[in-house]
Each structure stands twice: as structure tokens, then as C-alpha cells.
């Protein structure tokens, strides 16, 4: 199942992976979040929790991953630094971006993000 993250004029298509967390996220869309942009990704706190299996929790990410962090209900789209990401535990991957992420490198600050099902 596909979703889109709309960050201003930038649209990032993401293919969800079918996990319990991914299905629950899709069922709650559309959703608007305030996300902070860092040098590695865009991260914002969901106003709800997502179900997940303990076996789905892992450290780190691959560039392009859309991850949920149960501790705090954080959702993040990562676009850089996968080589050093293993130091960040408690990640549940719910999907992966489809296409280039270069435009995200130019963002900074806090952004309003709309997450919706792909049309």
C-alpha cells in the first residue's frame, strides 16, 4: 500500500510494508504532523500509538525508511546516515520511500507534513 508525505511542495511516496504498525498507520490517514528536520531525517510525534510485534523492533535504519519509535510514538522519514544509525535503537520500520530523497536535504527547521494514502 502506498502513502505520500507532503512536506510543503515536496511529495515523498512511501510503500508501506504490511506490518501491523503500517496497516494501523494507513487506517488513521490522512494525518497532519509537525516534523522537525535534522541532517538525517524528518521526525514528528504521532497523536496515537501503533501496534507492533516485539520482533519488529530493531536498531537503526536504511536511508529512505519510514520508521516508528514506540517509545514516544515518533514517526520519522530517514534520508541519511544509515551507516551510523545502529546506535539508535527501538525502531520499527513501516515502509520505505520510493524515489530520490535529494530534495529533503535542503529542508531545515520545523515543517507541517500531511500524510495521506496515495491516489
PDB file of N, CA and C in Angstrom:
ATOM      1  N   UNK A   1       0.847  -1.169   0.000  1.00  0.00           N
ATOM      2  CA  UNK A   1       0.000   0.000   0.000  1.00  0.00           C
ATOM      3  C   UNK A   1       0.892   1.230   0.000  1.00  0.00           C
ATOM      4  N   UNK A   2       0.516   2.219  -0.780  1.00  0.00           N
ATOM      5  CA  UNK A   2       1.306   3.424  -0.888  1.00  0.00           C
ATOM      6  C   UNK A   2       0.703   4.602  -0.127  1.00  0.00           C
ATOM      7  N   UNK A   3       1.594   5.417   0.428  1.00  0.00           N
ATOM      8  CA  UNK A   3       1.190   6.663   1.063  1.00  0.00           C
ATOM      9  C   UNK A   3       2.094   7.768   0.539  1.00  0.00           C
ATOM     10  N   UNK A   4       1.746   9.008   0.847  1.00  0.00           N
ATOM     11  CA  UNK A   4       2.566  10.151   0.473  1.00  0.00           C
ATOM     12  C   UNK A   4       2.766  11.043   1.686  1.00  0.00           C
ATOM     13  N   UNK A   5       3.996  11.517   1.846  1.00  0.00           N
ATOM     14  CA  UNK A   5       4.293  12.541   2.825  1.00  0.00           C
ATOM     15  C   UNK A   5       4.444  13.836   2.049  1.00  0.00           C
ATOM     16  N   UNK A   6       3.624  14.816   2.361  1.00  0.00           N
ATOM     17  CA  UNK A   6       3.672  16.114   1.694  1.00  0.00           C
ATOM     18  C   UNK A   6       4.309  17.110   2.636  1.00  0.00           C
ATOM     19  N   UNK A   7       5.511  17.534   2.273  1.00  0.00           N
ATOM     20  CA  UNK A   7       6.287  18.466   3.080  1.00  0.00           C
ATOM     21  C   UNK A   7       6.427  19.736   2.234  1.00  0.00           C
ATOM     22  N   UNK A   8       5.499  20.665   2.405  1.00  0.00           N
ATOM     23  CA  UNK A   8       5.464  21.834   1.527  1.00  0.00           C
ATOM     24  C   UNK A   8       5.233  21.374   0.106  1.00  0.00           C
ATOM     25  N   UNK A   9       6.103  21.775  -0.795  1.00  0.00           N
ATOM     26  CA  UNK A   9       5.991  21.407  -2.210  1.00  0.00           C
ATOM     27  C   UNK A   9       6.603  20.033  -2.516  1.00  0.00           C
ATOM     28  N   UNK A  10       7.276  19.454  -1.543  1.00  0.00           N
ATOM     29  CA  UNK A  10       7.938  18.168  -1.742  1.00  0.00           C
ATOM     30  C   UNK A  10       6.960  17.039  -1.404  1.00  0.00           C
ATOM     31  N   UNK A  11       6.818  16.109  -2.329  1.00  0.00           N
ATOM     32  CA  UNK A  11       5.973  14.934  -2.104  1.00  0.00           C
ATOM     33  C   UNK A  11       6.871  13.707  -2.124  1.00  0.00           C
ATOM     34  N   UNK A  12       6.834  12.944  -1.030  1.00  0.00           N
ATOM     35  CA  UNK A  12       7.651  11.734  -0.920  1.00  0.00           C
ATOM     36  C   UNK A  12       6.723  10.527  -0.909  1.00  0.00           C
ATOM     37  N   UNK A  13       6.714   9.731  -1.980  1.00  0.00           N
ATOM     38  CA  UNK A  13       5.922   8.497  -1.971  1.00  0.00           C
ATOM     39  C   UNK A  13       6.622   7.429  -1.133  1.00  0.00           C
ATOM     40  N   UNK A  14       5.834   6.706  -0.352  1.00  0.00           N
ATOM     41  CA  UNK A  14       6.352   5.655   0.523  1.00  0.00           C
ATOM     42  C   UNK A  14       5.506   4.405   0.322  1.00  0.00           C
ATOM     43  N   UNK A  15       6.163   3.284   0.175  1.00  0.00           N
ATOM     44  CA  UNK A  15       5.469   1.998   0.089  1.00  0.00           C
ATOM     45  C   UNK A  15       5.484   1.374   1.476  1.00  0.00           C
ATOM     46  N   UNK A  16       4.293   1.156   2.055  1.00  0.00           N
ATOM     47  CA  UNK A  16       4.209   0.534   3.369  1.00  0.00           C
ATOM     48  C   UNK A  16       4.504  -0.955   3.261  1.00  0.00           C
ATOM     49  N   UNK A  17       4.985  -1.549   4.353  1.00  0.00           N
ATOM     50  CA  UNK A  17       5.445  -2.936   4.298  1.00  0.00           C
ATOM     51  C   UNK A  17       4.427  -3.989   4.734  1.00  0.00           C
ATOM     52  N   UNK A  18       3.255  -3.609   5.150  1.00  0.00           N
ATOM     53  CA  UNK A  18       2.244  -4.596   5.514  1.00  0.00           C
ATOM     54  C   UNK A  18       2.285  -5.056   6.953  1.00  0.00           C
ATOM     55  N   UNK A  19       3.195  -4.521   7.768  1.00  0.00           N
ATOM     56  CA  UNK A  19       3.258  -4.878   9.183  1.00  0.00           C
ATOM     57  C   UNK A  19       2.024  -4.343   9.906  1.00  0.00           C
ATOM     58  N   UNK A  20       1.808  -4.806  11.132  1.00  0.00           N
ATOM     59  CA  UNK A  20       0.674  -4.323  11.931  1.00  0.00           C
ATOM     60  C   UNK A  20       0.750  -2.815  12.118  1.00  0.00           C
ATOM     61  N   UNK A  21       1.945  -2.300  12.355  1.00  0.00           N
ATOM     62  CA  UNK A  21       2.117  -0.853  12.535  1.00  0.00           C
ATOM     63  C   UNK A  21       1.783  -0.102  11.241  1.00  0.00           C
ATOM     64  N   UNK A  22       2.236  -0.616  10.110  1.00  0.00           N
ATOM     65  CA  UNK A  22       1.963   0.020   8.821  1.00  0.00           C
ATOM     66  C   UNK A  22       0.472   0.020   8.505  1.00  0.00           C
ATOM     67  N   UNK A  23      -0.189  -1.095   8.745  1.00  0.00           N
ATOM     68  CA  UNK A  23      -1.634  -1.172   8.489  1.00  0.00           C
ATOM     69  C   UNK A  23      -2.402  -0.214   9.395  1.00  0.00           C
ATOM     70  N   UNK A  24      -1.994  -0.119  10.655  1.00  0.00           N
ATOM     71  CA  UNK A  24      -2.662   0.786  11.592  1.00  0.00           C
ATOM     72  C   UNK A  24      -2.439   2.243  11.201  1.00  0.00           C
ATOM     73  N   UNK A  25      -1.231   2.566  10.736  1.00  0.00           N
ATOM     74  CA  UNK A  25      -0.959   3.931  10.276  1.00  0.00           C
ATOM     75  C   UNK A  25      -1.851   4.266   9.087  1.00  0.00           C
ATOM     76  N   UNK A  26      -1.915   3.378   8.110  1.00  0.00           N
ATOM     77  CA  UNK A  26      -2.739   3.618   6.915  1.00  0.00           C
ATOM     78  C   UNK A  26      -4.208   3.825   7.291  1.00  0.00           C
ATOM     79  N   UNK A  27      -4.688   3.093   8.277  1.00  0.00           N
ATOM     80  CA  UNK A  27      -6.089   3.197   8.693  1.00  0.00           C
ATOM     81  C   UNK A  27      -6.398   4.545   9.339  1.00  0.00           C
ATOM     82  N   UNK A  28      -5.370   5.242   9.834  1.00  0.00           N
ATOM     83  CA  UNK A  28      -5.567   6.528  10.513  1.00  0.00           C
ATOM     84  C   UNK A  28      -5.390   7.724   9.574  1.00  0.00           C
ATOM     85  N   UNK A  29      -5.045   7.487   8.332  1.00  0.00           N
ATOM     86  CA  UNK A  29      -4.768   8.588   7.396  1.00  0.00           C
ATOM     87  C   UNK A  29      -6.043   9.139   6.797  1.00  0.00           C
ATOM     88  N   UNK A  30      -6.056  10.425   6.449  1.00  0.00           N
ATOM     89  CA  UNK A  30      -4.941  11.369   6.457  1.00  0.00           C
ATOM     90  C   UNK A  30      -4.636  11.880   7.864  1.00  0.00           C
ATOM     91  N   UNK A  31      -3.395  12.321   8.032  1.00  0.00           N
ATOM     92  CA  UNK A  31      -2.916  12.842   9.307  1.00  0.00           C
ATOM     93  C   UNK A  31      -1.964  14.005   9.036  1.00  0.00           C
ATOM     94  N   UNK A  32      -2.045  15.031   9.843  1.00  0.00           N
ATOM     95  CA  UNK A  32      -1.121  16.159   9.752  1.00  0.00           C
ATOM     96  C   UNK A  32      -0.214  16.134  10.971  1.00  0.00           C
ATOM     97  N   UNK A  33       1.074  16.319  10.750  1.00  0.00           N
ATOM     98  CA  UNK A  33       2.066  16.326  11.822  1.00  0.00           C
ATOM     99  C   UNK A  33       2.983  17.517  11.666  1.00  0.00           C
ATOM    100  N   UNK A  34       3.516  17.953  12.760  1.00  0.00           N
ATOM    101  CA  UNK A  34       4.617  18.900  12.748  1.00  0.00           C
ATOM    102  C   UNK A  34       5.876  18.058  12.884  1.00  0.00           C
ATOM    103  N   UNK A  35       6.788  18.180  11.910  1.00  0.00           N
ATOM    104  CA  UNK A  35       8.002  17.360  11.930  1.00  0.00           C
ATOM    105  C   UNK A  35       9.228  18.259  11.937  1.00  0.00           C
ATOM    106  N   UNK A  36      10.188  17.900  12.775  1.00  0.00           N
ATOM    107  CA  UNK A  36      11.466  18.604  12.819  1.00  0.00           C
ATOM    108  C   UNK A  36      12.406  17.953  11.824  1.00  0.00           C
ATOM    109  N   UNK A  37      13.128  18.791  11.096  1.00  0.00           N
ATOM    110  CA  UNK A  37      14.076  18.293  10.099  1.00  0.00           C
ATOM    111  C   UNK A  37      15.480  18.372  10.686  1.00  0.00           C
ATOM    112  N   UNK A  38      16.202  17.282  10.594  1.00  0.00           N
ATOM    113  CA  UNK A  38      17.599  17.244  11.031  1.00  0.00           C
ATOM    114  C   UNK A  38      18.462  16.875   9.828  1.00  0.00           C
ATOM    115  N   UNK A  39      19.723  16.632  10.081  1.00  0.00           N
ATOM    116  CA  UNK A  39      20.621  16.244   8.984  1.00  0.00           C
ATOM    117  C   UNK A  39      20.394  14.814   8.526  1.00  0.00           C
ATOM    118  N   UNK A  40      19.579  14.031   9.267  1.00  0.00           N
ATOM    119  CA  UNK A  40      19.357  12.633   8.909  1.00  0.00           C
ATOM    120  C   UNK A  40      17.918  12.305   8.543  1.00  0.00           C
ATOM    121  N   UNK A  41      16.965  13.175   8.899  1.00  0.00           N
ATOM    122  CA  UNK A  41      15.581  12.858   8.598  1.00  0.00           C
ATOM    123  C   UNK A  41      14.593  13.882   9.116  1.00  0.00           C
ATOM    124  N   UNK A  42      13.322  13.563   8.921  1.00  0.00           N
ATOM    125  CA  UNK A  42      12.198  14.367   9.402  1.00  0.00           C
ATOM    126  C   UNK A  42      11.479  13.536  10.452  1.00  0.00           C
ATOM    127  N   UNK A  43      11.236  14.118  11.636  1.00  0.00           N
ATOM    128  CA  UNK A  43      10.693  13.346  12.737  1.00  0.00           C
ATOM    129  C   UNK A  43       9.599  14.136  13.451  1.00  0.00           C
ATOM    130  N   UNK A  44       8.479  13.463  13.726  1.00  0.00           N
ATOM    131  CA  UNK A  44       7.384  14.096  14.450  1.00  0.00           C
ATOM    132  C   UNK A  44       6.653  13.091  15.316  1.00  0.00           C
ATOM    133  N   UNK A  45       5.974  13.600  16.333  1.00  0.00           N
ATOM    134  CA  UNK A  45       5.266  12.731  17.269  1.00  0.00           C
ATOM    135  C   UNK A  45       3.835  12.515  16.816  1.00  0.00           C
ATOM    136  N   UNK A  46       3.463  11.242  16.675  1.00  0.00           N
ATOM    137  CA  UNK A  46       2.093  10.885  16.330  1.00  0.00           C
ATOM    138  C   UNK A  46       1.174  11.131  17.530  1.00  0.00           C
ATOM    139  N   UNK A  47      -0.079  11.492  17.284  1.00  0.00           N
ATOM    140  CA  UNK A  47      -1.020  11.674  18.386  1.00  0.00           C
ATOM    141  C   UNK A  47      -1.668  10.352  18.824  1.00  0.00           C
ATOM    142  N   UNK A  48      -1.110   9.240  18.390  1.00  0.00           N
ATOM    143  CA  UNK A  48      -1.628   7.911  18.719  1.00  0.00           C
ATOM    144  C   UNK A  48      -0.478   6.911  18.650  1.00  0.00           C
ATOM    145  N   UNK A  49      -0.691   5.754  19.252  1.00  0.00           N
ATOM    146  CA  UNK A  49       0.300   4.674  19.212  1.00  0.00           C
ATOM    147  C   UNK A  49      -0.042   3.698  18.096  1.00  0.00           C
ATOM    148  N   UNK A  50       0.970   3.009  17.609  1.00  0.00           N
ATOM    149  CA  UNK A  50       0.782   1.983  16.587  1.00  0.00           C
ATOM    150  C   UNK A  50       1.100   0.617  17.185  1.00  0.00           C
ATOM    151  N   UNK A  51       0.271  -0.384  16.899  1.00  0.00           N
ATOM    152  CA  UNK A  51       0.574  -1.733  17.389  1.00  0.00           C
ATOM    153  C   UNK A  51       1.787  -2.282  16.640  1.00  0.00           C
ATOM    154  N   UNK A  52       2.552  -3.096  17.338  1.00  0.00           N
ATOM    155  CA  UNK A  52       3.729  -3.694  16.698  1.00  0.00           C
ATOM    156  C   UNK A  52       4.144  -4.931  17.479  1.00  0.00           C
ATOM    157  N   UNK A  53       4.771  -5.847  16.791  1.00  0.00           N
ATOM    158  CA  UNK A  53       5.308  -7.049  17.429  1.00  0.00           C
ATOM    159  C   UNK A  53       6.702  -6.735  17.966  1.00  0.00           C
ATOM    160  N   UNK A  54       7.042  -7.302  19.089  1.00  0.00           N
ATOM    161  CA  UNK A  54       8.366  -7.057  19.659  1.00  0.00           C
ATOM    162  C   UNK A  54       9.469  -7.501  18.687  1.00  0.00           C
ATOM    163  N   UNK A  55       9.191  -8.500  17.867  1.00  0.00           N
ATOM    164  CA  UNK A  55      10.173  -8.968  16.885  1.00  0.00           C
ATOM    165  C   UNK A  55      10.435  -7.933  15.792  1.00  0.00           C
ATOM    166  N   UNK A  56       9.540  -6.955  15.627  1.00  0.00           N
ATOM    167  CA  UNK A  56       9.715  -5.917  14.607  1.00  0.00           C
ATOM    168  C   UNK A  56      10.601  -4.766  15.072  1.00  0.00           C
ATOM    169  N   UNK A  57      10.942  -4.722  16.353  1.00  0.00           N
ATOM    170  CA  UNK A  57      11.753  -3.632  16.905  1.00  0.00           C
ATOM    171  C   UNK A  57      13.229  -3.943  16.673  1.00  0.00           C
ATOM    172  N   UNK A  58      13.951  -2.981  16.124  1.00  0.00           N
ATOM    173  CA  UNK A  58      15.356  -3.176  15.775  1.00  0.00           C
ATOM    174  C   UNK A  58      16.113  -1.855  15.898  1.00  0.00           C
ATOM    175  N   UNK A  59      17.441  -1.900  15.893  1.00  0.00           N
ATOM    176  CA  UNK A  59      18.225  -0.664  15.873  1.00  0.00           C
ATOM    177  C   UNK A  59      18.435  -0.188  14.438  1.00  0.00           C
ATOM    178  N   UNK A  60      18.550   1.118  14.283  1.00  0.00           N
ATOM    179  CA  UNK A  60      18.962   1.703  13.018  1.00  0.00           C
ATOM    180  C   UNK A  60      17.918   1.750  11.933  1.00  0.00           C
ATOM    181  N   UNK A  61      18.382   2.231  10.758  1.00  0.00           N
ATOM    182  CA  UNK A  61      17.528   2.375   9.596  1.00  0.00           C
ATOM    183  C   UNK A  61      18.355   2.293   8.325  1.00  0.00           C
ATOM    184  N   UNK A  62      17.671   2.144   7.232  1.00  0.00           N
ATOM    185  CA  UNK A  62      18.252   2.314   5.901  1.00  0.00           C
ATOM    186  C   UNK A  62      17.756   3.655   5.381  1.00  0.00           C
ATOM    187  N   UNK A  63      18.606   4.373   4.654  1.00  0.00           N
ATOM    188  CA  UNK A  63      18.171   5.646   4.083  1.00  0.00           C
ATOM    189  C   UNK A  63      16.903   5.406   3.269  1.00  0.00           C
ATOM    190  N   UNK A  64      15.881   6.202   3.535  1.00  0.00           N
ATOM    191  CA  UNK A  64      14.594   6.047   2.869  1.00  0.00           C
ATOM    192  C   UNK A  64      13.546   5.365   3.731  1.00  0.00           C
ATOM    193  N   UNK A  65      13.951   4.808   4.873  1.00  0.00           N
ATOM    194  CA  UNK A  65      12.986   4.137   5.746  1.00  0.00           C
ATOM    195  C   UNK A  65      12.032   5.127   6.414  1.00  0.00           C
ATOM    196  N   UNK A  66      10.786   4.700   6.536  1.00  0.00           N
ATOM    197  CA  UNK A  66       9.801   5.371   7.374  1.00  0.00           C
ATOM    198  C   UNK A  66       9.679   4.501   8.615  1.00  0.00           C
ATOM    199  N   UNK A  67      10.129   5.021   9.756  1.00  0.00           N
ATOM    200  CA  UNK A  67      10.184   4.237  10.988  1.00  0.00           C
ATOM    201  C   UNK A  67       9.293   4.828  12.063  1.00  0.00           C
ATOM    202  N   UNK A  68       8.802   3.946  12.887  1.00  0.00           N
ATOM    203  CA  UNK A  68       8.022   4.293  14.075  1.00  0.00           C
ATOM    204  C   UNK A  68       8.854   3.928  15.293  1.00  0.00           C
ATOM    205  N   UNK A  69       8.906   4.831  16.260  1.00  0.00           N
ATOM    206  CA  UNK A  69       9.601   4.555  17.517  1.00  0.00           C
ATOM    207  C   UNK A  69       8.544   4.509  18.616  1.00  0.00           C
ATOM    208  N   UNK A  70       8.212   3.300  19.091  1.00  0.00           N
ATOM    209  CA  UNK A  70       7.149   3.160  20.087  1.00  0.00           C
ATOM    210  C   UNK A  70       7.368   3.988  21.346  1.00  0.00           C
ATOM    211  N   UNK A  71       8.618   4.108  21.763  1.00  0.00           N
ATOM    212  CA  UNK A  71       8.914   4.932  22.931  1.00  0.00           C
ATOM    213  C   UNK A  71       8.739   6.398  22.542  1.00  0.00           C
ATOM    214  N   UNK A  72       7.565   6.937  22.795  1.00  0.00           N
ATOM    215  CA  UNK A  72       7.265   8.325  22.453  1.00  0.00           C
ATOM    216  C   UNK A  72       6.370   8.494  21.241  1.00  0.00           C
ATOM    217  N   UNK A  73       6.066   7.404  20.535  1.00  0.00           N
ATOM    218  CA  UNK A  73       5.191   7.451  19.354  1.00  0.00           C
ATOM    219  C   UNK A  73       5.728   8.376  18.260  1.00  0.00           C
ATOM    220  N   UNK A  74       7.016   8.288  17.992  1.00  0.00           N
ATOM    221  CA  UNK A  74       7.653   9.105  16.965  1.00  0.00           C
ATOM    222  C   UNK A  74       7.591   8.424  15.606  1.00  0.00           C
ATOM    223  N   UNK A  75       7.361   9.212  14.567  1.00  0.00           N
ATOM    224  CA  UNK A  75       7.399   8.744  13.188  1.00  0.00           C
ATOM    225  C   UNK A  75       8.502   9.520  12.490  1.00  0.00           C
ATOM    226  N   UNK A  76       9.378   8.837  11.785  1.00  0.00           N
ATOM    227  CA  UNK A  76      10.499   9.504  11.127  1.00  0.00           C
ATOM    228  C   UNK A  76      10.726   8.952   9.731  1.00  0.00           C
ATOM    229  N   UNK A  77      11.007   9.866   8.812  1.00  0.00           N
ATOM    230  CA  UNK A  77      11.439   9.505   7.466  1.00  0.00           C
ATOM    231  C   UNK A  77      12.925   9.824   7.410  1.00  0.00           C
ATOM    232  N   UNK A  78      13.746   8.796   7.306  1.00  0.00           N
ATOM    233  CA  UNK A  78      15.190   8.974   7.311  1.00  0.00           C
ATOM    234  C   UNK A  78      15.732   9.059   5.887  1.00  0.00           C
ATOM    235  N   UNK A  79      16.616  10.041   5.663  1.00  0.00           N
ATOM    236  CA  UNK A  79      17.193  10.202   4.332  1.00  0.00           C
ATOM    237  C   UNK A  79      18.717  10.193   4.335  1.00  0.00           C
ATOM    238  N   UNK A  80      19.343   9.973   5.502  1.00  0.00           N
ATOM    239  CA  UNK A  80      20.804   9.972   5.529  1.00  0.00           C
ATOM    240  C   UNK A  80      21.327   9.251   6.781  1.00  0.00           C
ATOM    241  N   UNK A  81      22.598   8.929   6.756  1.00  0.00           N
ATOM    242  CA  UNK A  81      23.396   8.409   7.864  1.00  0.00           C
ATOM    243  C   UNK A  81      23.047   6.989   8.290  1.00  0.00           C
ATOM    244  N   UNK A  82      22.579   6.164   7.367  1.00  0.00           N
ATOM    245  CA  UNK A  82      22.281   4.784   7.739  1.00  0.00           C
ATOM    246  C   UNK A  82      23.514   4.071   8.275  1.00  0.00           C
ATOM    247  N   UNK A  83      24.702   4.449   7.813  1.00  0.00           N
ATOM    248  CA  UNK A  83      25.929   3.767   8.237  1.00  0.00           C
ATOM    249  C   UNK A  83      26.187   3.917   9.740  1.00  0.00           C
ATOM    250  N   UNK A  84      25.667   4.974  10.359  1.00  0.00           N
ATOM    251  CA  UNK A  84      25.856   5.200  11.794  1.00  0.00           C
ATOM    252  C   UNK A  84      24.576   5.000  12.601  1.00  0.00           C
ATOM    253  N   UNK A  85      23.516   4.558  11.974  1.00  0.00           N
ATOM    254  CA  UNK A  85      22.200   4.559  12.612  1.00  0.00           C
ATOM    255  C   UNK A  85      21.982   3.442  13.629  1.00  0.00           C
ATOM    256  N   UNK A  86      22.835   2.428  13.632  1.00  0.00           N
ATOM    257  CA  UNK A  86      22.626   1.291  14.530  1.00  0.00           C
ATOM    258  C   UNK A  86      22.659   1.729  16.000  1.00  0.00           C
ATOM    259  N   UNK A  87      23.221   2.872  16.287  1.00  0.00           N
ATOM    260  CA  UNK A  87      23.270   3.362  17.673  1.00  0.00           C
ATOM    261  C   UNK A  87      21.908   3.836  18.172  1.00  0.00           C
ATOM    262  N   UNK A  88      20.940   3.976  17.246  1.00  0.00           N
ATOM    263  CA  UNK A  88      19.590   4.394  17.612  1.00  0.00           C
ATOM    264  C   UNK A  88      18.684   3.173  17.651  1.00  0.00           C
ATOM    265  N   UNK A  89      18.321   2.735  18.835  1.00  0.00           N
ATOM    266  CA  UNK A  89      17.502   1.544  18.993  1.00  0.00           C
ATOM    267  C   UNK A  89      16.016   1.848  18.965  1.00  0.00           C
ATOM    268  N   UNK A  90      15.238   0.794  19.127  1.00  0.00           N
ATOM    269  CA  UNK A  90      13.797   0.930  19.255  1.00  0.00           C
ATOM    270  C   UNK A  90      13.066   1.337  18.003  1.00  0.00           C
ATOM    271  N   UNK A  91      13.554   0.954  16.842  1.00  0.00           N
ATOM    272  CA  UNK A  91      12.952   1.340  15.564  1.00  0.00           C
ATOM    273  C   UNK A  91      12.046   0.224  15.023  1.00  0.00           C
ATOM    274  N   UNK A  92      10.916   0.628  14.467  1.00  0.00           N
ATOM    275  CA  UNK A  92      10.007  -0.300  13.777  1.00  0.00           C
ATOM    276  C   UNK A  92       9.817   0.255  12.365  1.00  0.00           C
ATOM    277  N   UNK A  93      10.330  -0.425  11.381  1.00  0.00           N
ATOM    278  CA  UNK A  93      10.193   0.043  10.005  1.00  0.00           C
ATOM    279  C   UNK A  93       8.783  -0.252   9.506  1.00  0.00           C
ATOM    280  N   UNK A  94       8.099   0.790   8.994  1.00  0.00           N
ATOM    281  CA  UNK A  94       6.738   0.617   8.476  1.00  0.00           C
ATOM    282  C   UNK A  94       6.677   0.786   6.964  1.00  0.00           C
ATOM    283  N   UNK A  95       7.743   1.302   6.356  1.00  0.00           N
ATOM    284  CA  UNK A  95       7.749   1.475   4.914  1.00  0.00           C
ATOM    285  C   UNK A  95       9.070   2.029   4.434  1.00  0.00           C
ATOM    286  N   UNK A  96       9.146   2.262   3.130  1.00  0.00           N
ATOM    287  CA  UNK A  96      10.366   2.776   2.519  1.00  0.00           C
ATOM    288  C   UNK A  96       9.996   3.719   1.378  1.00  0.00           C
ATOM    289  N   UNK A  97      10.691   4.834   1.321  1.00  0.00           N
ATOM    290  CA  UNK A  97      10.449   5.827   0.266  1.00  0.00           C
ATOM    291  C   UNK A  97      10.744   5.231  -1.107  1.00  0.00           C
ATOM    292  N   UNK A  98       9.936   5.627  -2.058  1.00  0.00           N
ATOM    293  CA  UNK A  98      10.092   5.194  -3.440  1.00  0.00           C
ATOM    294  C   UNK A  98      10.546   6.413  -4.240  1.00  0.00           C
ATOM    295  N   UNK A  99      11.788   6.396  -4.679  1.00  0.00           N
ATOM    296  CA  UNK A  99      12.295   7.520  -5.450  1.00  0.00           C
ATOM    297  C   UNK A  99      13.354   8.299  -4.688  1.00  0.00           C
ATOM    298  N   UNK A 100      13.901   9.329  -5.338  1.00  0.00           N
ATOM    299  CA  UNK A 100      15.006  10.093  -4.756  1.00  0.00           C
ATOM    300  C   UNK A 100      14.569  10.929  -3.545  1.00  0.00           C
ATOM    301  N   UNK A 101      15.512  11.113  -2.641  1.00  0.00           N
ATOM    302  CA  UNK A 101      15.264  11.882  -1.420  1.00  0.00           C
ATOM    303  C   UNK A 101      16.092  13.163  -1.370  1.00  0.00           C
ATOM    304  N   UNK A 102      16.759  13.500  -2.471  1.00  0.00           N
ATOM    305  CA  UNK A 102      17.669  14.645  -2.504  1.00  0.00           C
ATOM    306  C   UNK A 102      17.020  15.948  -2.053  1.00  0.00           C
ATOM    307  N   UNK A 103      15.770  16.178  -2.406  1.00  0.00           N
ATOM    308  CA  UNK A 103      15.104  17.439  -2.065  1.00  0.00           C
ATOM    309  C   UNK A 103      14.986  17.634  -0.558  1.00  0.00           C
ATOM    310  N   UNK A 104      14.979  16.555   0.203  1.00  0.00           N
ATOM    311  CA  UNK A 104      14.841  16.663   1.655  1.00  0.00           C
ATOM    312  C   UNK A 104      16.081  17.255   2.315  1.00  0.00           C
ATOM    313  N   UNK A 105      17.240  17.128   1.683  1.00  0.00           N
ATOM    314  CA  UNK A 105      18.484  17.650   2.245  1.00  0.00           C
ATOM    315  C   UNK A 105      18.471  19.173   2.358  1.00  0.00           C
ATOM    316  N   UNK A 106      17.648  19.837   1.590  1.00  0.00           N
ATOM    317  CA  UNK A 106      17.607  21.305   1.621  1.00  0.00           C
ATOM    318  C   UNK A 106      16.668  21.845   2.697  1.00  0.00           C
ATOM    319  N   UNK A 107      15.929  20.985   3.357  1.00  0.00           N
ATOM    320  CA  UNK A 107      14.970  21.429   4.370  1.00  0.00           C
ATOM    321  C   UNK A 107      15.658  21.667   5.712  1.00  0.00           C
ATOM    322  N   UNK A 108      15.028  22.510   6.519  1.00  0.00           N
ATOM    323  CA  UNK A 108      15.504  22.736   7.882  1.00  0.00           C
ATOM    324  C   UNK A 108      14.334  23.207   8.732  1.00  0.00           C
ATOM    325  N   UNK A 109      14.541  23.233  10.036  1.00  0.00           N
ATOM    326  CA  UNK A 109      13.521  23.737  10.939  1.00  0.00           C
ATOM    327  C   UNK A 109      12.389  22.754  11.158  1.00  0.00           C
ATOM    328  N   UNK A 110      11.234  23.301  11.493  1.00  0.00           N
ATOM    329  CA  UNK A 110      10.033  22.501  11.727  1.00  0.00           C
ATOM    330  C   UNK A 110       9.081  22.705  10.558  1.00  0.00           C
ATOM    331  N   UNK A 111       8.532  21.636  10.064  1.00  0.00           N
ATOM    332  CA  UNK A 111       7.659  21.673   8.890  1.00  0.00           C
ATOM    333  C   UNK A 111       6.333  21.001   9.177  1.00  0.00           C
ATOM    334  N   UNK A 112       5.277  21.534   8.583  1.00  0.00           N
ATOM    335  CA  UNK A 112       3.982  20.873   8.608  1.00  0.00           C
ATOM    336  C   UNK A 112       3.995  19.799   7.530  1.00  0.00           C
ATOM    337  N   UNK A 113       3.618  18.595   7.911  1.00  0.00           N
ATOM    338  CA  UNK A 113       3.645  17.460   6.988  1.00  0.00           C
ATOM    339  C   UNK A 113       2.260  16.827   6.977  1.00  0.00           C
ATOM    340  N   UNK A 114       1.770  16.581   5.790  1.00  0.00           N
ATOM    341  CA  UNK A 114       0.498  15.877   5.633  1.00  0.00           C
ATOM    342  C   UNK A 114       0.822  14.484   5.115  1.00  0.00           C
ATOM    343  N   UNK A 115       0.267  13.485   5.776  1.00  0.00           N
ATOM    344  CA  UNK A 115       0.481  12.094   5.374  1.00  0.00           C
ATOM    345  C   UNK A 115      -0.874  11.558   4.922  1.00  0.00           C
ATOM    346  N   UNK A 116      -0.901  11.030   3.706  1.00  0.00           N
ATOM    347  CA  UNK A 116      -2.174  10.531   3.162  1.00  0.00           C
ATOM    348  C   UNK A 116      -1.936   9.324   2.287  1.00  0.00           C
ATOM    349  N   UNK A 117      -3.008   8.591   2.047  1.00  0.00           N
ATOM    350  CA  UNK A 117      -2.940   7.456   1.135  1.00  0.00           C
ATOM    351  C   UNK A 117      -2.648   7.964  -0.271  1.00  0.00           C
ATOM    352  N   UNK A 118      -1.879   7.202  -1.028  1.00  0.00           N
ATOM    353  CA  UNK A 118      -1.615   7.571  -2.420  1.00  0.00           C
ATOM    354  C   UNK A 118      -2.905   7.510  -3.228  1.00  0.00           C
ATOM    355  N   UNK A 119      -2.990   8.372  -4.185  1.00  0.00           N
ATOM    356  CA  UNK A 119      -4.179   8.412  -5.040  1.00  0.00           C
ATOM    357  C   UNK A 119      -4.036   7.459  -6.192  1.00  0.00           C
TER     358      UNK A 119
END
